[in-house]
Protein backbone atom coordinates (compact mmCIF):
# COMPACT_ATOMS: atom_id res chain seq x y z
CA UNK A 1 -12.65 -16.65 -10.10
CA UNK A 2 -9.43 -15.64 -8.64
CA UNK A 3 -10.43 -17.13 -5.09
CA UNK A 4 -11.25 -20.51 -6.59
CA UNK A 5 -8.37 -22.42 -6.09
CA UNK A 6 -7.85 -21.11 -2.53
CA UNK A 7 -11.35 -21.93 -1.52
CA UNK A 8 -10.70 -25.30 -3.14
CA UNK A 9 -7.62 -25.91 -0.87
CA UNK A 10 -9.51 -24.59 2.27
CA UNK A 11 -12.40 -26.96 1.52
CA UNK A 12 -10.07 -29.74 1.00
CA UNK A 13 -8.53 -29.24 4.34
CA UNK A 14 -11.75 -29.26 6.17
CA UNK A 15 -12.79 -32.59 4.29
CA UNK A 16 -9.37 -34.20 5.35
CA UNK A 17 -10.13 -33.66 8.81
CA UNK A 18 -8.28 -30.17 9.64
CA UNK A 19 -9.63 -27.59 11.98
CA UNK A 20 -11.14 -24.32 10.73
CA UNK A 21 -7.86 -22.59 11.64
CA UNK A 22 -6.00 -25.08 9.11
CA UNK A 23 -8.45 -24.61 6.65
CA UNK A 24 -8.52 -20.73 6.65
CA UNK A 25 -4.36 -20.67 6.79
CA UNK A 26 -4.45 -23.16 3.74
CA UNK A 27 -6.78 -21.18 1.85
CA UNK A 28 -5.18 -17.66 2.57
CA UNK A 29 -1.77 -19.37 1.79
CA UNK A 30 -2.94 -20.56 -1.52
CA UNK A 31 -4.21 -17.08 -2.29
CA UNK A 32 -1.04 -15.74 -1.37
CA UNK A 33 0.81 -17.84 -3.73
CA UNK A 34 -1.87 -17.26 -6.62
CA UNK A 35 -1.83 -13.72 -5.73
CA UNK A 36 -5.57 -14.09 -6.33
CA UNK A 37 -6.83 -10.83 -7.47
CA UNK A 38 -3.76 -8.51 -7.18
CA UNK A 39 -4.58 -7.60 -3.52
CA UNK A 40 -3.41 -10.55 -1.59
CA UNK A 41 0.08 -11.79 -1.27
CA UNK A 42 3.53 -10.69 -2.93
CA UNK A 43 3.10 -8.33 -5.94
CA UNK A 44 0.16 -6.44 -4.24
CA UNK A 45 -0.58 -2.91 -3.42
CA UNK A 46 2.44 -1.04 -2.74
CA UNK A 47 2.92 1.51 0.14
CA UNK A 48 3.61 5.05 -0.75
CA UNK A 49 7.10 4.81 -1.06
CA UNK A 50 6.68 1.75 -3.65
CA UNK A 51 7.52 -1.22 -1.25
CA UNK A 52 5.16 -4.12 -0.92
CA UNK A 53 4.61 -5.32 2.71
CA UNK A 54 2.14 -7.90 3.84
CA UNK A 55 -0.48 -7.90 6.67
CA UNK A 56 -2.11 -11.00 7.77
CA UNK A 57 -4.25 -11.94 10.85
CA UNK A 58 -5.70 -15.16 12.10
CA UNK A 59 -8.29 -15.81 14.69
CA UNK A 60 -8.76 -19.10 17.04
CA UNK A 61 -12.29 -18.73 17.91
CA UNK A 62 -12.24 -21.64 20.66
CA UNK A 63 -9.25 -19.78 22.50
CA UNK A 64 -10.38 -16.45 21.38
CA UNK A 65 -6.77 -15.94 20.46
CA UNK A 66 -5.15 -13.92 17.68
CA UNK A 67 -1.88 -13.75 15.73
CA UNK A 68 -1.14 -11.06 13.29
CA UNK A 69 2.02 -9.62 11.29
CA UNK A 70 1.65 -6.08 10.13
CA UNK A 71 4.06 -4.58 7.66
CA UNK A 72 5.93 -8.06 7.04
CA UNK A 73 9.01 -7.59 4.75
CA UNK A 74 10.66 -9.88 2.41
CA UNK A 75 8.52 -13.04 3.36
CA UNK A 76 5.67 -14.23 1.31
CA UNK A 77 3.75 -16.39 3.63
CA UNK A 78 2.20 -13.77 5.48
CA UNK A 79 -0.88 -15.92 6.81
CA UNK A 80 1.57 -18.74 8.15
CA UNK A 81 3.63 -16.19 10.05
CA UNK A 82 0.65 -14.68 11.52
CA UNK A 83 -0.38 -18.35 12.66
CA UNK A 84 3.01 -18.76 14.13
CA UNK A 85 2.86 -15.78 16.10
CA UNK A 86 -0.57 -17.12 17.44
CA UNK A 87 0.85 -20.43 18.08
CA UNK A 88 4.49 -19.91 19.30
CA UNK A 89 4.39 -16.28 21.22
CA UNK A 90 2.35 -14.45 23.60
CA UNK A 91 1.89 -11.45 21.62
CA UNK A 92 -0.94 -10.78 19.24
CA UNK A 93 0.77 -8.57 16.72
CA UNK A 94 4.15 -8.29 15.39
CA UNK A 95 5.08 -5.44 13.18
CA UNK A 96 7.74 -4.41 10.56
CA UNK A 97 11.19 -5.55 11.38
CA UNK A 98 9.95 -7.62 14.47
CA UNK A 99 7.49 -9.47 12.22
CA UNK A 100 10.29 -9.93 9.68
CA UNK A 101 12.87 -11.13 12.02
CA UNK A 102 10.45 -13.51 13.71
CA UNK A 103 9.66 -15.03 10.62
CA UNK A 104 13.39 -15.57 9.23
CA UNK A 105 14.08 -16.94 12.96
CA UNK A 106 11.40 -19.74 12.28
CA UNK A 107 12.98 -20.39 8.90
CA UNK A 108 10.60 -18.69 6.36
CA UNK A 109 12.64 -17.62 3.35
CA UNK A 110 13.41 -14.20 2.44
CA UNK A 111 12.11 -13.03 -0.88
CA UNK A 112 11.11 -10.22 -2.95
CA UNK A 113 7.47 -8.77 -2.37
CA UNK A 114 7.26 -6.35 -5.34
CA UNK A 115 6.61 -7.47 -8.75
CA UNK A 116 7.08 -5.68 -12.07
CA UNK A 117 3.29 -5.04 -11.94
CA UNK A 118 3.14 -3.39 -8.43
CA UNK A 119 6.24 -1.50 -9.52
CA UNK A 120 4.45 -0.13 -12.63
CA UNK A 121 1.15 0.61 -10.24
CA UNK A 122 3.38 2.41 -8.25
CA UNK A 123 4.98 4.76 -11.02
CA UNK A 124 1.48 5.35 -12.41
CA UNK A 125 0.07 6.51 -8.90
CA UNK A 126 3.31 8.71 -8.47
CA UNK A 127 2.75 10.14 -12.17
CA UNK A 128 -0.83 11.15 -10.94
CA UNK A 129 0.62 13.42 -8.17
CA UNK A 130 0.10 10.47 -5.73
CA UNK A 131 -3.61 10.65 -6.02
CA UNK A 132 -5.62 9.10 -4.56
CA UNK A 133 -4.15 8.78 -1.22
CA UNK A 134 -5.13 8.02 2.35
CA UNK A 135 -3.72 11.26 3.98
CA UNK A 136 -6.48 13.88 5.51
CA UNK A 137 -6.53 17.30 7.10
CA UNK A 138 -3.16 17.88 5.55
CA UNK A 139 -2.13 20.75 3.41
CA UNK A 140 -1.88 19.95 -0.33
CA UNK A 141 -2.43 16.14 0.25
CA UNK A 142 -5.15 16.10 -2.40
CA UNK A 143 -3.21 17.74 -5.21
CA UNK A 144 0.47 16.81 -4.92
CA UNK A 145 2.77 14.05 -3.57
CA UNK A 146 4.22 14.47 0.03
CA UNK A 147 5.74 15.00 2.44
CA UNK A 148 2.60 16.88 3.76
CA UNK A 149 2.17 19.21 6.74
CA UNK A 150 -0.89 18.90 8.90
CA UNK A 151 -3.43 21.80 8.42
CA UNK A 152 -3.71 22.33 12.22
CA UNK A 153 -0.95 21.80 14.89
CA UNK A 154 -0.77 18.53 16.22
CA UNK A 155 -0.33 19.85 19.73
CA UNK A 156 -3.39 21.86 19.35
CA UNK A 157 -5.74 20.77 22.20
CA UNK A 158 -8.97 21.56 19.90
CA UNK A 159 -8.13 18.99 17.25
CA UNK A 160 -7.11 15.72 18.37
CA UNK A 161 -8.19 13.60 15.22
CA UNK A 162 -5.50 11.02 14.37
CA UNK A 163 -3.58 11.42 11.07
CA UNK A 164 -3.88 8.42 8.80
CA UNK A 165 -1.34 6.11 7.82
CA UNK A 166 1.08 6.08 4.53
CA UNK A 167 -0.90 3.23 2.88
CA UNK A 168 -2.20 3.53 -0.55
CA UNK A 169 -5.97 2.83 -1.18
CA UNK A 170 -5.20 0.50 -4.22
CA UNK A 171 -7.41 -2.20 -2.87
CA UNK A 172 -10.31 -0.04 -2.72
CA UNK A 173 -9.97 1.22 -6.14
CA UNK A 174 -9.13 -2.16 -7.75
CA UNK A 175 -11.07 -4.63 -5.98
CA UNK A 176 -14.92 -4.73 -6.85
CA UNK A 177 -17.40 -5.64 -3.97
CA UNK A 178 -17.91 -9.31 -4.55
CA UNK A 179 -14.05 -10.07 -3.91
CA UNK A 180 -13.99 -7.93 -1.05
CA UNK A 181 -16.39 -10.20 0.81
CA UNK A 182 -14.19 -12.98 -0.23
CA UNK A 183 -11.01 -11.47 1.06
CA UNK A 184 -12.83 -10.74 4.57
CA UNK A 185 -13.46 -14.15 4.42
CA UNK A 186 -9.81 -15.51 3.56
CA UNK A 187 -7.51 -12.81 5.00
CA UNK A 188 -7.99 -10.07 7.35
CA UNK A 189 -5.73 -7.12 5.94
CA UNK A 190 -4.89 -4.85 8.93
CA UNK A 191 -3.93 -1.42 8.24
CA UNK A 192 -2.27 0.80 10.99
CA UNK A 193 -3.71 4.10 12.03
CA UNK A 194 -0.72 6.20 13.25
CA UNK A 195 -1.75 8.51 16.02
């Protein structure tokens, strides 16, 4: 399957005496290189504007510590950058330009994250009137592309439910249940929910 080489790399790391964190990062990194099933790594699911950004979270159980990057742009090694956040900062999460600048400052190379496939996927989605999407409680969000307006005023005290983010649900539509369990084993993808 699409995760075999990532699992092999992770297992070899454990057999070679690496820590569980070493193994998870090695496996996730291989999956990012291989693009596994198309949902992990560069060339994956674009956002609503057609850009591919990466998210990764690593956890170290003994210290109960985490490192994460969200909306990492132009750097393909999201798992390794998340580990660097864990090991080289007091932060738990770096987002967007902060995540990208941090990675570049450590010597990670700047590279394109979109692929011909991800661009084509986004164009097809846009041709389908931006359906499906992650918007809810918005006027016309189920029938056309945005921008959208809330059904209720955000200042109305009676309805304080948060608006959802601008990320597309491609991972839901293009990944089957069996691979989603492997994805959660290899890489935790964090999606922001904007309030």
